[in-house]
Structure formats: C-alpha cells, structure tokens
Amino acid sequence: MSRHQHEPRVSTYAKGEIFEQKVFDLLSGELAAGRLLFAPQFSTIHRKKKYFSRYRESFIVFDIAIEVRLPDRDDPSVIVLIECKNYDGTIPIDDVEDVQLENRSGREPQR
C-alpha cells in the first residue's frame, strides 16, 4: 500500500476552510502587531462577514474582511475584502473581475 492510502481524504470544502483559517490567523497576528497599513486600535477583522451588494440586490459573504473605523465613528471608513483561493497556479483574471464587479456598486455590512 502506498503512503497516501493511509491518509484520510480531506474534502475540497474542508481544505478551503483550513486555508481560510490560516490566512485569518496570519492577518489577525499581523494586524495586532501593527504590521498592516491600518492602526490595530481602529481595526477589526472578521471571517464570513456579509455585505449588501446593490448590484446583486442581496448579501455577499466574504471569507475575510478588515474594517477600519475613524475614532468616534460607528461605520467603517475602509473595508478590505479578502477572498481566499488555494489554486495550484495563478488565479484566473475572471475570478478577480467577478469580485470587483459585485462590489463596485457599494457596500453595506449586515449587522
């Protein structure tokens, strides 16, 4: 028997969840350490946050979102949206354009 026959098979969904968690943990650490562009005291990081798309007229769930708020403001002034993809090669440009188009018409977080 080969080595691979003894290893449990991991679903594509589970692989994606594991990858997203690794990216989230990495970005959370970098944000907390002040190594991202945003001041940690004004920023929050989220997994699976929903934002309303006027283009789709429905909510879109993003893998990771970093929201930056100005002092004394409730609504974020900057939102960084991150979609995690674990491709063997480069990401197809159509995937990037689809996300850009879906968000071009505005955003509104679901509370």
PDB file of N, CA and C in Angstrom:
ATOM      1  N   MET A   1       0.837  -1.186   0.000  1.00  0.00           N
ATOM      2  CA  MET A   1       0.000   0.000   0.000  1.00  0.00           C
ATOM      3  C   MET A   1       0.879   1.246   0.000  1.00  0.00           C
ATOM      4  N   SER A   2       0.430   2.223  -0.721  1.00  0.00           N
ATOM      5  CA  SER A   2       1.193   3.466  -0.749  1.00  0.00           C
ATOM      6  C   SER A   2       0.882   4.295   0.492  1.00  0.00           C
ATOM      7  N   ARG A   3       1.713   5.272   0.729  1.00  0.00           N
ATOM      8  CA  ARG A   3       1.560   6.156   1.882  1.00  0.00           C
ATOM      9  C   ARG A   3       0.220   6.892   1.835  1.00  0.00           C
ATOM     10  N   HIS A   4      -0.226   7.250   0.654  1.00  0.00           N
ATOM     11  CA  HIS A   4      -1.455   8.036   0.508  1.00  0.00           C
ATOM     12  C   HIS A   4      -2.715   7.242   0.834  1.00  0.00           C
ATOM     13  N   GLN A   5      -2.657   5.921   0.777  1.00  0.00           N
ATOM     14  CA  GLN A   5      -3.837   5.123   1.077  1.00  0.00           C
ATOM     15  C   GLN A   5      -4.171   5.137   2.564  1.00  0.00           C
ATOM     16  N   HIS A   6      -3.221   5.485   3.414  1.00  0.00           N
ATOM     17  CA  HIS A   6      -3.451   5.526   4.856  1.00  0.00           C
ATOM     18  C   HIS A   6      -3.893   6.904   5.346  1.00  0.00           C
ATOM     19  N   GLU A   7      -3.712   7.926   4.522  1.00  0.00           N
ATOM     20  CA  GLU A   7      -4.075   9.282   4.927  1.00  0.00           C
ATOM     21  C   GLU A   7      -5.567   9.504   4.683  1.00  0.00           C
ATOM     22  N   PRO A   8      -6.242  10.131   5.636  1.00  0.00           N
ATOM     23  CA  PRO A   8      -7.668  10.414   5.416  1.00  0.00           C
ATOM     24  C   PRO A   8      -7.833  11.438   4.297  1.00  0.00           C
ATOM     25  N   ARG A   9      -8.894  11.278   3.527  1.00  0.00           N
ATOM     26  CA  ARG A   9      -9.172  12.221   2.444  1.00  0.00           C
ATOM     27  C   ARG A   9      -9.849  13.451   3.041  1.00  0.00           C
ATOM     28  N   VAL A  10      -9.415  14.593   2.610  1.00  0.00           N
ATOM     29  CA  VAL A  10      -9.991  15.847   3.086  1.00  0.00           C
ATOM     30  C   VAL A  10     -10.786  16.447   1.932  1.00  0.00           C
ATOM     31  N   SER A  11     -12.017  16.824   2.199  1.00  0.00           N
ATOM     32  CA  SER A  11     -12.866  17.391   1.150  1.00  0.00           C
ATOM     33  C   SER A  11     -12.332  18.744   0.701  1.00  0.00           C
ATOM     34  N   THR A  12     -12.739  19.134  -0.487  1.00  0.00           N
ATOM     35  CA  THR A  12     -12.355  20.446  -1.012  1.00  0.00           C
ATOM     36  C   THR A  12     -12.846  21.546  -0.080  1.00  0.00           C
ATOM     37  N   TYR A  13     -14.065  21.401   0.438  1.00  0.00           N
ATOM     38  CA  TYR A  13     -14.619  22.385   1.371  1.00  0.00           C
ATOM     39  C   TYR A  13     -13.744  22.490   2.619  1.00  0.00           C
ATOM     40  N   ALA A  14     -13.365  21.341   3.190  1.00  0.00           N
ATOM     41  CA  ALA A  14     -12.534  21.339   4.402  1.00  0.00           C
ATOM     42  C   ALA A  14     -11.172  21.960   4.123  1.00  0.00           C
ATOM     43  N   LYS A  15     -10.594  21.666   2.973  1.00  0.00           N
ATOM     44  CA  LYS A  15      -9.304  22.273   2.609  1.00  0.00           C
ATOM     45  C   LYS A  15      -9.435  23.790   2.543  1.00  0.00           C
ATOM     46  N   GLY A  16     -10.548  24.260   1.950  1.00  0.00           N
ATOM     47  CA  GLY A  16     -10.784  25.698   1.862  1.00  0.00           C
ATOM     48  C   GLY A  16     -10.936  26.338   3.227  1.00  0.00           C
ATOM     49  N   GLU A  17     -11.661  25.682   4.119  1.00  0.00           N
ATOM     50  CA  GLU A  17     -11.852  26.196   5.480  1.00  0.00           C
ATOM     51  C   GLU A  17     -10.523  26.263   6.235  1.00  0.00           C
ATOM     52  N   ILE A  18      -9.709  25.238   6.084  1.00  0.00           N
ATOM     53  CA  ILE A  18      -8.395  25.210   6.745  1.00  0.00           C
ATOM     54  C   ILE A  18      -7.523  26.341   6.217  1.00  0.00           C
ATOM     55  N   PHE A  19      -7.520  26.523   4.894  1.00  0.00           N
ATOM     56  CA  PHE A  19      -6.723  27.591   4.286  1.00  0.00           C
ATOM     57  C   PHE A  19      -7.211  28.965   4.751  1.00  0.00           C
ATOM     58  N   GLU A  20      -8.526  29.185   4.745  1.00  0.00           N
ATOM     59  CA  GLU A  20      -9.081  30.462   5.201  1.00  0.00           C
ATOM     60  C   GLU A  20      -8.697  30.750   6.646  1.00  0.00           C
ATOM     61  N   GLN A  21      -8.744  29.741   7.500  1.00  0.00           N
ATOM     62  CA  GLN A  21      -8.387  29.938   8.903  1.00  0.00           C
ATOM     63  C   GLN A  21      -6.919  30.313   9.039  1.00  0.00           C
ATOM     64  N   LYS A  22      -6.052  29.688   8.243  1.00  0.00           N
ATOM     65  CA  LYS A  22      -4.622  30.026   8.276  1.00  0.00           C
ATOM     66  C   LYS A  22      -4.399  31.479   7.853  1.00  0.00           C
ATOM     67  N   VAL A  23      -5.085  31.896   6.788  1.00  0.00           N
ATOM     68  CA  VAL A  23      -4.958  33.283   6.321  1.00  0.00           C
ATOM     69  C   VAL A  23      -5.498  34.238   7.379  1.00  0.00           C
ATOM     70  N   PHE A  24      -6.655  33.912   7.960  1.00  0.00           N
ATOM     71  CA  PHE A  24      -7.245  34.742   9.009  1.00  0.00           C
ATOM     72  C   PHE A  24      -6.296  34.870  10.203  1.00  0.00           C
ATOM     73  N   ASP A  25      -5.737  33.756  10.649  1.00  0.00           N
ATOM     74  CA  ASP A  25      -4.811  33.779  11.788  1.00  0.00           C
ATOM     75  C   ASP A  25      -3.576  34.616  11.478  1.00  0.00           C
ATOM     76  N   LEU A  26      -3.041  34.466  10.274  1.00  0.00           N
ATOM     77  CA  LEU A  26      -1.867  35.244   9.866  1.00  0.00           C
ATOM     78  C   LEU A  26      -2.187  36.735   9.863  1.00  0.00           C
ATOM     79  N   LEU A  27      -3.291  37.119   9.216  1.00  0.00           N
ATOM     80  CA  LEU A  27      -3.659  38.536   9.143  1.00  0.00           C
ATOM     81  C   LEU A  27      -4.024  39.101  10.510  1.00  0.00           C
ATOM     82  N   SER A  28      -4.669  38.305  11.346  1.00  0.00           N
ATOM     83  CA  SER A  28      -5.001  38.760  12.702  1.00  0.00           C
ATOM     84  C   SER A  28      -3.736  39.084  13.481  1.00  0.00           C
ATOM     85  N   GLY A  29      -2.741  38.225  13.377  1.00  0.00           N
ATOM     86  CA  GLY A  29      -1.468  38.459  14.059  1.00  0.00           C
ATOM     87  C   GLY A  29      -0.748  39.684  13.528  1.00  0.00           C
ATOM     88  N   GLU A  30      -0.748  39.834  12.214  1.00  0.00           N
ATOM     89  CA  GLU A  30      -0.093  40.999  11.604  1.00  0.00           C
ATOM     90  C   GLU A  30      -0.813  42.293  11.984  1.00  0.00           C
ATOM     91  N   LEU A  31      -2.137  42.258  12.012  1.00  0.00           N
ATOM     92  CA  LEU A  31      -2.912  43.439  12.406  1.00  0.00           C
ATOM     93  C   LEU A  31      -2.629  43.800  13.857  1.00  0.00           C
ATOM     94  N   ALA A  32      -2.678  42.816  14.743  1.00  0.00           N
ATOM     95  CA  ALA A  32      -2.440  43.061  16.172  1.00  0.00           C
ATOM     96  C   ALA A  32      -1.036  43.595  16.427  1.00  0.00           C
ATOM     97  N   ALA A  33      -0.069  43.161  15.618  1.00  0.00           N
ATOM     98  CA  ALA A  33       1.320  43.602  15.781  1.00  0.00           C
ATOM     99  C   ALA A  33       1.587  44.946  15.107  1.00  0.00           C
ATOM    100  N   GLY A  34       0.592  45.495  14.421  1.00  0.00           N
ATOM    101  CA  GLY A  34       0.769  46.785  13.764  1.00  0.00           C
ATOM    102  C   GLY A  34       1.563  46.705  12.477  1.00  0.00           C
ATOM    103  N   ARG A  35       1.580  45.535  11.841  1.00  0.00           N
ATOM    104  CA  ARG A  35       2.363  45.368  10.619  1.00  0.00           C
ATOM    105  C   ARG A  35       1.520  45.452   9.346  1.00  0.00           C
ATOM    106  N   LEU A  36       0.255  45.853   9.471  1.00  0.00           N
ATOM    107  CA  LEU A  36      -0.562  46.123   8.291  1.00  0.00           C
ATOM    108  C   LEU A  36      -0.684  47.634   8.144  1.00  0.00           C
ATOM    109  N   LEU A  37      -1.352  48.077   7.114  1.00  0.00           N
ATOM    110  CA  LEU A  37      -1.468  49.519   6.859  1.00  0.00           C
ATOM    111  C   LEU A  37      -2.394  50.237   7.825  1.00  0.00           C
ATOM    112  N   PHE A  38      -3.131  49.491   8.638  1.00  0.00           N
ATOM    113  CA  PHE A  38      -4.158  50.084   9.476  1.00  0.00           C
ATOM    114  C   PHE A  38      -3.794  49.985  10.947  1.00  0.00           C
ATOM    115  N   ALA A  39      -4.134  51.023  11.708  1.00  0.00           N
ATOM    116  CA  ALA A  39      -3.878  51.018  13.149  1.00  0.00           C
ATOM    117  C   ALA A  39      -4.767  49.969  13.809  1.00  0.00           C
ATOM    118  N   PRO A  40      -4.172  49.052  14.565  1.00  0.00           N
ATOM    119  CA  PRO A  40      -4.965  47.970  15.154  1.00  0.00           C
ATOM    120  C   PRO A  40      -6.078  48.457  16.079  1.00  0.00           C
ATOM    121  N   GLN A  41      -5.882  49.570  16.761  1.00  0.00           N
ATOM    122  CA  GLN A  41      -6.900  50.052  17.692  1.00  0.00           C
ATOM    123  C   GLN A  41      -8.150  50.572  16.972  1.00  0.00           C
ATOM    124  N   PHE A  42      -8.051  50.804  15.669  1.00  0.00           N
ATOM    125  CA  PHE A  42      -9.200  51.278  14.891  1.00  0.00           C
ATOM    126  C   PHE A  42      -9.709  50.221  13.908  1.00  0.00           C
ATOM    127  N   SER A  43      -9.181  49.007  14.000  1.00  0.00           N
ATOM    128  CA  SER A  43      -9.483  47.979  13.006  1.00  0.00           C
ATOM    129  C   SER A  43     -10.024  46.709  13.651  1.00  0.00           C
ATOM    130  N   THR A  44     -10.922  46.055  12.930  1.00  0.00           N
ATOM    131  CA  THR A  44     -11.417  44.743  13.351  1.00  0.00           C
ATOM    132  C   THR A  44     -11.352  43.805  12.153  1.00  0.00           C
ATOM    133  N   ILE A  45     -11.096  42.540  12.434  1.00  0.00           N
ATOM    134  CA  ILE A  45     -11.019  41.543  11.372  1.00  0.00           C
ATOM    135  C   ILE A  45     -12.121  40.515  11.601  1.00  0.00           C
ATOM    136  N   HIS A  46     -12.740  40.082  10.518  1.00  0.00           N
ATOM    137  CA  HIS A  46     -13.891  39.181  10.592  1.00  0.00           C
ATOM    138  C   HIS A  46     -13.736  38.051   9.579  1.00  0.00           C
ATOM    139  N   ARG A  47     -14.340  36.906   9.902  1.00  0.00           N
ATOM    140  CA  ARG A  47     -14.483  35.800   8.946  1.00  0.00           C
ATOM    141  C   ARG A  47     -15.946  35.672   8.585  1.00  0.00           C
ATOM    142  N   LYS A  48     -16.191  35.388   7.324  1.00  0.00           N
ATOM    143  CA  LYS A  48     -17.549  35.102   6.827  1.00  0.00           C
ATOM    144  C   LYS A  48     -18.530  36.241   7.106  1.00  0.00           C
ATOM    145  N   LYS A  49     -18.086  37.473   6.882  1.00  0.00           N
ATOM    146  CA  LYS A  49     -18.952  38.639   7.099  1.00  0.00           C
ATOM    147  C   LYS A  49     -19.752  38.919   5.827  1.00  0.00           C
ATOM    148  N   LYS A  50     -21.010  39.323   6.016  1.00  0.00           N
ATOM    149  CA  LYS A  50     -21.903  39.613   4.897  1.00  0.00           C
ATOM    150  C   LYS A  50     -21.928  41.110   4.621  1.00  0.00           C
ATOM    151  N   TYR A  51     -21.915  41.453   3.333  1.00  0.00           N
ATOM    152  CA  TYR A  51     -22.070  42.835   2.898  1.00  0.00           C
ATOM    153  C   TYR A  51     -23.123  42.862   1.797  1.00  0.00           C
ATOM    154  N   PHE A  52     -23.937  43.899   1.809  1.00  0.00           N
ATOM    155  CA  PHE A  52     -25.001  44.012   0.821  1.00  0.00           C
ATOM    156  C   PHE A  52     -24.445  44.526  -0.495  1.00  0.00           C
ATOM    157  N   SER A  53     -24.819  43.877  -1.580  1.00  0.00           N
ATOM    158  CA  SER A  53     -24.441  44.300  -2.926  1.00  0.00           C
ATOM    159  C   SER A  53     -25.674  44.877  -3.609  1.00  0.00           C
ATOM    160  N   ARG A  54     -25.611  46.150  -3.940  1.00  0.00           N
ATOM    161  CA  ARG A  54     -26.717  46.755  -4.678  1.00  0.00           C
ATOM    162  C   ARG A  54     -26.810  46.159  -6.078  1.00  0.00           C
ATOM    163  N   TYR A  55     -25.671  45.763  -6.624  1.00  0.00           N
ATOM    164  CA  TYR A  55     -25.640  45.157  -7.954  1.00  0.00           C
ATOM    165  C   TYR A  55     -26.438  43.856  -7.965  1.00  0.00           C
ATOM    166  N   ARG A  56     -26.220  43.010  -6.969  1.00  0.00           N
ATOM    167  CA  ARG A  56     -26.926  41.726  -6.864  1.00  0.00           C
ATOM    168  C   ARG A  56     -28.270  41.847  -6.149  1.00  0.00           C
ATOM    169  N   GLU A  57     -28.425  42.926  -5.395  1.00  0.00           N
ATOM    170  CA  GLU A  57     -29.591  43.125  -4.539  1.00  0.00           C
ATOM    171  C   GLU A  57     -29.714  41.997  -3.521  1.00  0.00           C
ATOM    172  N   SER A  58     -28.576  41.581  -3.006  1.00  0.00           N
ATOM    173  CA  SER A  58     -28.532  40.551  -1.969  1.00  0.00           C
ATOM    174  C   SER A  58     -27.184  40.649  -1.256  1.00  0.00           C
ATOM    175  N   PHE A  59     -27.025  39.840  -0.239  1.00  0.00           N
ATOM    176  CA  PHE A  59     -25.780  39.851   0.525  1.00  0.00           C
ATOM    177  C   PHE A  59     -24.745  38.928  -0.100  1.00  0.00           C
ATOM    178  N   ILE A  60     -23.490  39.321   0.043  1.00  0.00           N
ATOM    179  CA  ILE A  60     -22.349  38.506  -0.366  1.00  0.00           C
ATOM    180  C   ILE A  60     -21.543  38.225   0.891  1.00  0.00           C
ATOM    181  N   VAL A  61     -21.184  36.981   1.096  1.00  0.00           N
ATOM    182  CA  VAL A  61     -20.362  36.595   2.243  1.00  0.00           C
ATOM    183  C   VAL A  61     -18.911  36.545   1.786  1.00  0.00           C
ATOM    184  N   PHE A  62     -18.055  37.281   2.484  1.00  0.00           N
ATOM    185  CA  PHE A  62     -16.631  37.292   2.158  1.00  0.00           C
ATOM    186  C   PHE A  62     -15.860  36.465   3.171  1.00  0.00           C
ATOM    187  N   ASP A  63     -14.820  35.817   2.691  1.00  0.00           N
ATOM    188  CA  ASP A  63     -14.016  34.959   3.556  1.00  0.00           C
ATOM    189  C   ASP A  63     -13.454  35.746   4.732  1.00  0.00           C
ATOM    190  N   ILE A  64     -12.844  36.888   4.433  1.00  0.00           N
ATOM    191  CA  ILE A  64     -12.230  37.722   5.473  1.00  0.00           C
ATOM    192  C   ILE A  64     -12.509  39.184   5.139  1.00  0.00           C
ATOM    193  N   ALA A  65     -12.806  39.966   6.154  1.00  0.00           N
ATOM    194  CA  ALA A  65     -12.988  41.407   5.984  1.00  0.00           C
ATOM    195  C   ALA A  65     -12.243  42.118   7.108  1.00  0.00           C
ATOM    196  N   ILE A  66     -11.539  43.173   6.743  1.00  0.00           N
ATOM    197  CA  ILE A  66     -10.909  44.044   7.735  1.00  0.00           C
ATOM    198  C   ILE A  66     -11.630  45.383   7.642  1.00  0.00           C
ATOM    199  N   GLU A  67     -12.236  45.801   8.749  1.00  0.00           N
ATOM    200  CA  GLU A  67     -12.947  47.072   8.804  1.00  0.00           C
ATOM    201  C   GLU A  67     -12.136  48.063   9.621  1.00  0.00           C
ATOM    202  N   VAL A  68     -11.981  49.257   9.054  1.00  0.00           N
ATOM    203  CA  VAL A  68     -11.228  50.315   9.728  1.00  0.00           C
ATOM    204  C   VAL A  68     -12.188  51.463  10.002  1.00  0.00           C
ATOM    205  N   ARG A  69     -12.235  51.883  11.263  1.00  0.00           N
ATOM    206  CA  ARG A  69     -13.129  52.968  11.665  1.00  0.00           C
ATOM    207  C   ARG A  69     -12.315  54.159  12.149  1.00  0.00           C
ATOM    208  N   LEU A  70     -12.777  55.334  11.783  1.00  0.00           N
ATOM    209  CA  LEU A  70     -12.199  56.546  12.342  1.00  0.00           C
ATOM    210  C   LEU A  70     -12.642  56.648  13.798  1.00  0.00           C
ATOM    211  N   PRO A  71     -11.854  57.307  14.641  1.00  0.00           N
ATOM    212  CA  PRO A  71     -12.257  57.455  16.048  1.00  0.00           C
ATOM    213  C   PRO A  71     -13.655  58.082  16.144  1.00  0.00           C
ATOM    214  N   ASP A  72     -14.447  57.594  17.073  1.00  0.00           N
ATOM    215  CA  ASP A  72     -15.794  58.095  17.345  1.00  0.00           C
ATOM    216  C   ASP A  72     -16.779  57.870  16.197  1.00  0.00           C
ATOM    217  N   ARG A  73     -16.504  56.931  15.311  1.00  0.00           N
ATOM    218  CA  ARG A  73     -17.421  56.595  14.214  1.00  0.00           C
ATOM    219  C   ARG A  73     -17.859  55.143  14.348  1.00  0.00           C
ATOM    220  N   ASP A  74     -19.127  54.901  14.073  1.00  0.00           N
ATOM    221  CA  ASP A  74     -19.650  53.536  14.129  1.00  0.00           C
ATOM    222  C   ASP A  74     -19.426  52.772  12.825  1.00  0.00           C
ATOM    223  N   ASP A  75     -19.624  53.456  11.705  1.00  0.00           N
ATOM    224  CA  ASP A  75     -19.481  52.799  10.406  1.00  0.00           C
ATOM    225  C   ASP A  75     -18.028  52.806   9.951  1.00  0.00           C
ATOM    226  N   PRO A  76     -17.600  51.733   9.292  1.00  0.00           N
ATOM    227  CA  PRO A  76     -16.218  51.700   8.806  1.00  0.00           C
ATOM    228  C   PRO A  76     -15.991  52.719   7.696  1.00  0.00           C
ATOM    229  N   SER A  77     -14.798  53.301   7.678  1.00  0.00           N
ATOM    230  CA  SER A  77     -14.427  54.215   6.601  1.00  0.00           C
ATOM    231  C   SER A  77     -13.688  53.470   5.497  1.00  0.00           C
ATOM    232  N   VAL A  78     -13.078  52.342   5.838  1.00  0.00           N
ATOM    233  CA  VAL A  78     -12.388  51.490   4.867  1.00  0.00           C
ATOM    234  C   VAL A  78     -12.744  50.041   5.185  1.00  0.00           C
ATOM    235  N   ILE A  79     -13.047  49.286   4.149  1.00  0.00           N
ATOM    236  CA  ILE A  79     -13.271  47.849   4.307  1.00  0.00           C
ATOM    237  C   ILE A  79     -12.388  47.130   3.291  1.00  0.00           C
ATOM    238  N   VAL A  80     -11.544  46.251   3.780  1.00  0.00           N
ATOM    239  CA  VAL A  80     -10.704  45.424   2.916  1.00  0.00           C
ATOM    240  C   VAL A  80     -11.362  44.051   2.848  1.00  0.00           C
ATOM    241  N   LEU A  81     -11.736  43.634   1.646  1.00  0.00           N
ATOM    242  CA  LEU A  81     -12.409  42.355   1.450  1.00  0.00           C
ATOM    243  C   LEU A  81     -11.426  41.354   0.858  1.00  0.00           C
ATOM    244  N   ILE A  82     -11.359  40.185   1.463  1.00  0.00           N
ATOM    245  CA  ILE A  82     -10.388  39.174   1.049  1.00  0.00           C
ATOM    246  C   ILE A  82     -11.127  37.879   0.747  1.00  0.00           C
ATOM    247  N   GLU A  83     -10.933  37.378  -0.451  1.00  0.00           N
ATOM    248  CA  GLU A  83     -11.448  36.072  -0.853  1.00  0.00           C
ATOM    249  C   GLU A  83     -10.254  35.140  -0.964  1.00  0.00           C
ATOM    250  N   CYS A  84     -10.260  34.077  -0.208  1.00  0.00           N
ATOM    251  CA  CYS A  84      -9.142  33.131  -0.184  1.00  0.00           C
ATOM    252  C   CYS A  84      -9.333  32.084  -1.274  1.00  0.00           C
ATOM    253  N   LYS A  85      -8.315  31.922  -2.091  1.00  0.00           N
ATOM    254  CA  LYS A  85      -8.317  30.902  -3.137  1.00  0.00           C
ATOM    255  C   LYS A  85      -7.019  30.129  -3.023  1.00  0.00           C
ATOM    256  N   ASN A  86      -7.121  28.823  -3.051  1.00  0.00           N
ATOM    257  CA  ASN A  86      -5.942  27.971  -2.899  1.00  0.00           C
ATOM    258  C   ASN A  86      -5.711  27.206  -4.199  1.00  0.00           C
ATOM    259  N   TYR A  87      -5.358  27.939  -5.251  1.00  0.00           N
ATOM    260  CA  TYR A  87      -5.098  27.337  -6.549  1.00  0.00           C
ATOM    261  C   TYR A  87      -3.660  26.842  -6.622  1.00  0.00           C
ATOM    262  N   ASP A  88      -3.440  25.848  -7.463  1.00  0.00           N
ATOM    263  CA  ASP A  88      -2.074  25.382  -7.704  1.00  0.00           C
ATOM    264  C   ASP A  88      -1.295  26.393  -8.536  1.00  0.00           C
ATOM    265  N   GLY A  89      -1.986  27.141  -9.378  1.00  0.00           N
ATOM    266  CA  GLY A  89      -1.338  28.120 -10.248  1.00  0.00           C
ATOM    267  C   GLY A  89      -1.855  29.511  -9.968  1.00  0.00           C
ATOM    268  N   THR A  90      -1.817  30.341 -10.983  1.00  0.00           N
ATOM    269  CA  THR A  90      -2.276  31.719 -10.832  1.00  0.00           C
ATOM    270  C   THR A  90      -3.805  31.758 -10.777  1.00  0.00           C
ATOM    271  N   ILE A  91      -4.323  32.817 -10.201  1.00  0.00           N
ATOM    272  CA  ILE A  91      -5.771  32.999 -10.098  1.00  0.00           C
ATOM    273  C   ILE A  91      -6.276  33.536 -11.436  1.00  0.00           C
ATOM    274  N   PRO A  92      -7.303  32.921 -12.004  1.00  0.00           N
ATOM    275  CA  PRO A  92      -7.851  33.418 -13.265  1.00  0.00           C
ATOM    276  C   PRO A  92      -8.371  34.849 -13.103  1.00  0.00           C
ATOM    277  N   ILE A  93      -8.083  35.701 -14.066  1.00  0.00           N
ATOM    278  CA  ILE A  93      -8.485  37.105 -14.004  1.00  0.00           C
ATOM    279  C   ILE A  93     -10.006  37.230 -13.913  1.00  0.00           C
ATOM    280  N   ASP A  94     -10.748  36.302 -14.493  1.00  0.00           N
ATOM    281  CA  ASP A  94     -12.212  36.347 -14.409  1.00  0.00           C
ATOM    282  C   ASP A  94     -12.698  36.283 -12.964  1.00  0.00           C
ATOM    283  N   ASP A  95     -12.006  35.513 -12.121  1.00  0.00           N
ATOM    284  CA  ASP A  95     -12.381  35.433 -10.705  1.00  0.00           C
ATOM    285  C   ASP A  95     -12.210  36.782 -10.021  1.00  0.00           C
ATOM    286  N   VAL A  96     -11.123  37.469 -10.333  1.00  0.00           N
ATOM    287  CA  VAL A  96     -10.857  38.782  -9.740  1.00  0.00           C
ATOM    288  C   VAL A  96     -11.878  39.793 -10.248  1.00  0.00           C
ATOM    289  N   GLU A  97     -12.156  39.776 -11.537  1.00  0.00           N
ATOM    290  CA  GLU A  97     -13.116  40.715 -12.111  1.00  0.00           C
ATOM    291  C   GLU A  97     -14.519  40.484 -11.564  1.00  0.00           C
ATOM    292  N   ASP A  98     -14.913  39.224 -11.338  1.00  0.00           N
ATOM    293  CA  ASP A  98     -16.234  38.935 -10.781  1.00  0.00           C
ATOM    294  C   ASP A  98     -16.409  39.571  -9.410  1.00  0.00           C
ATOM    295  N   VAL A  99     -15.411  39.447  -8.551  1.00  0.00           N
ATOM    296  CA  VAL A  99     -15.484  40.027  -7.209  1.00  0.00           C
ATOM    297  C   VAL A  99     -15.525  41.543  -7.298  1.00  0.00           C
ATOM    298  N   GLN A 100     -14.716  42.127  -8.189  1.00  0.00           N
ATOM    299  CA  GLN A 100     -14.698  43.577  -8.344  1.00  0.00           C
ATOM    300  C   GLN A 100     -16.063  44.077  -8.811  1.00  0.00           C
ATOM    301  N   LEU A 101     -16.650  43.422  -9.779  1.00  0.00           N
ATOM    302  CA  LEU A 101     -17.947  43.840 -10.303  1.00  0.00           C
ATOM    303  C   LEU A 101     -19.030  43.746  -9.241  1.00  0.00           C
ATOM    304  N   GLU A 102     -18.999  42.693  -8.449  1.00  0.00           N
ATOM    305  CA  GLU A 102     -20.013  42.502  -7.420  1.00  0.00           C
ATOM    306  C   GLU A 102     -19.958  43.587  -6.353  1.00  0.00           C
ATOM    307  N   ASN A 103     -18.814  44.202  -6.156  1.00  0.00           N
ATOM    308  CA  ASN A 103     -18.658  45.169  -5.079  1.00  0.00           C
ATOM    309  C   ASN A 103     -18.582  46.607  -5.554  1.00  0.00           C
ATOM    310  N   ARG A 104     -18.544  46.822  -6.828  1.00  0.00           N
ATOM    311  CA  ARG A 104     -18.370  48.167  -7.357  1.00  0.00           C
ATOM    312  C   ARG A 104     -19.518  49.086  -6.974  1.00  0.00           C
ATOM    313  N   SER A 105     -20.708  48.555  -6.853  1.00  0.00           N
ATOM    314  CA  SER A 105     -21.884  49.402  -6.663  1.00  0.00           C
ATOM    315  C   SER A 105     -22.176  49.736  -5.207  1.00  0.00           C
ATOM    316  N   GLY A 106     -21.269  49.471  -4.326  1.00  0.00           N
ATOM    317  CA  GLY A 106     -21.463  49.876  -2.938  1.00  0.00           C
ATOM    318  C   GLY A 106     -21.464  48.714  -1.984  1.00  0.00           C
ATOM    319  N   ARG A 107     -21.309  49.048  -0.717  1.00  0.00           N
ATOM    320  CA  ARG A 107     -21.277  48.011   0.300  1.00  0.00           C
ATOM    321  C   ARG A 107     -22.019  48.498   1.530  1.00  0.00           C
ATOM    322  N   GLU A 108     -22.581  47.577   2.218  1.00  0.00           N
ATOM    323  CA  GLU A 108     -23.297  47.891   3.449  1.00  0.00           C
ATOM    324  C   GLU A 108     -23.265  46.640   4.317  1.00  0.00           C
ATOM    325  N   PRO A 109     -22.552  46.677   5.436  1.00  0.00           N
ATOM    326  CA  PRO A 109     -22.444  45.466   6.246  1.00  0.00           C
ATOM    327  C   PRO A 109     -23.765  45.083   6.888  1.00  0.00           C
ATOM    328  N   GLN A 110     -23.984  43.775   6.983  1.00  0.00           N
ATOM    329  CA  GLN A 110     -25.155  43.280   7.712  1.00  0.00           C
ATOM    330  C   GLN A 110     -24.806  43.284   9.184  1.00  0.00           C
ATOM    331  N   ARG A 111     -25.646  43.788   9.997  1.00  0.00           N
ATOM    332  CA  ARG A 111     -25.374  43.888  11.437  1.00  0.00           C
ATOM    333  C   ARG A 111     -25.855  42.668  12.151  1.00  0.00           C
TER     334      ARG A 111
END
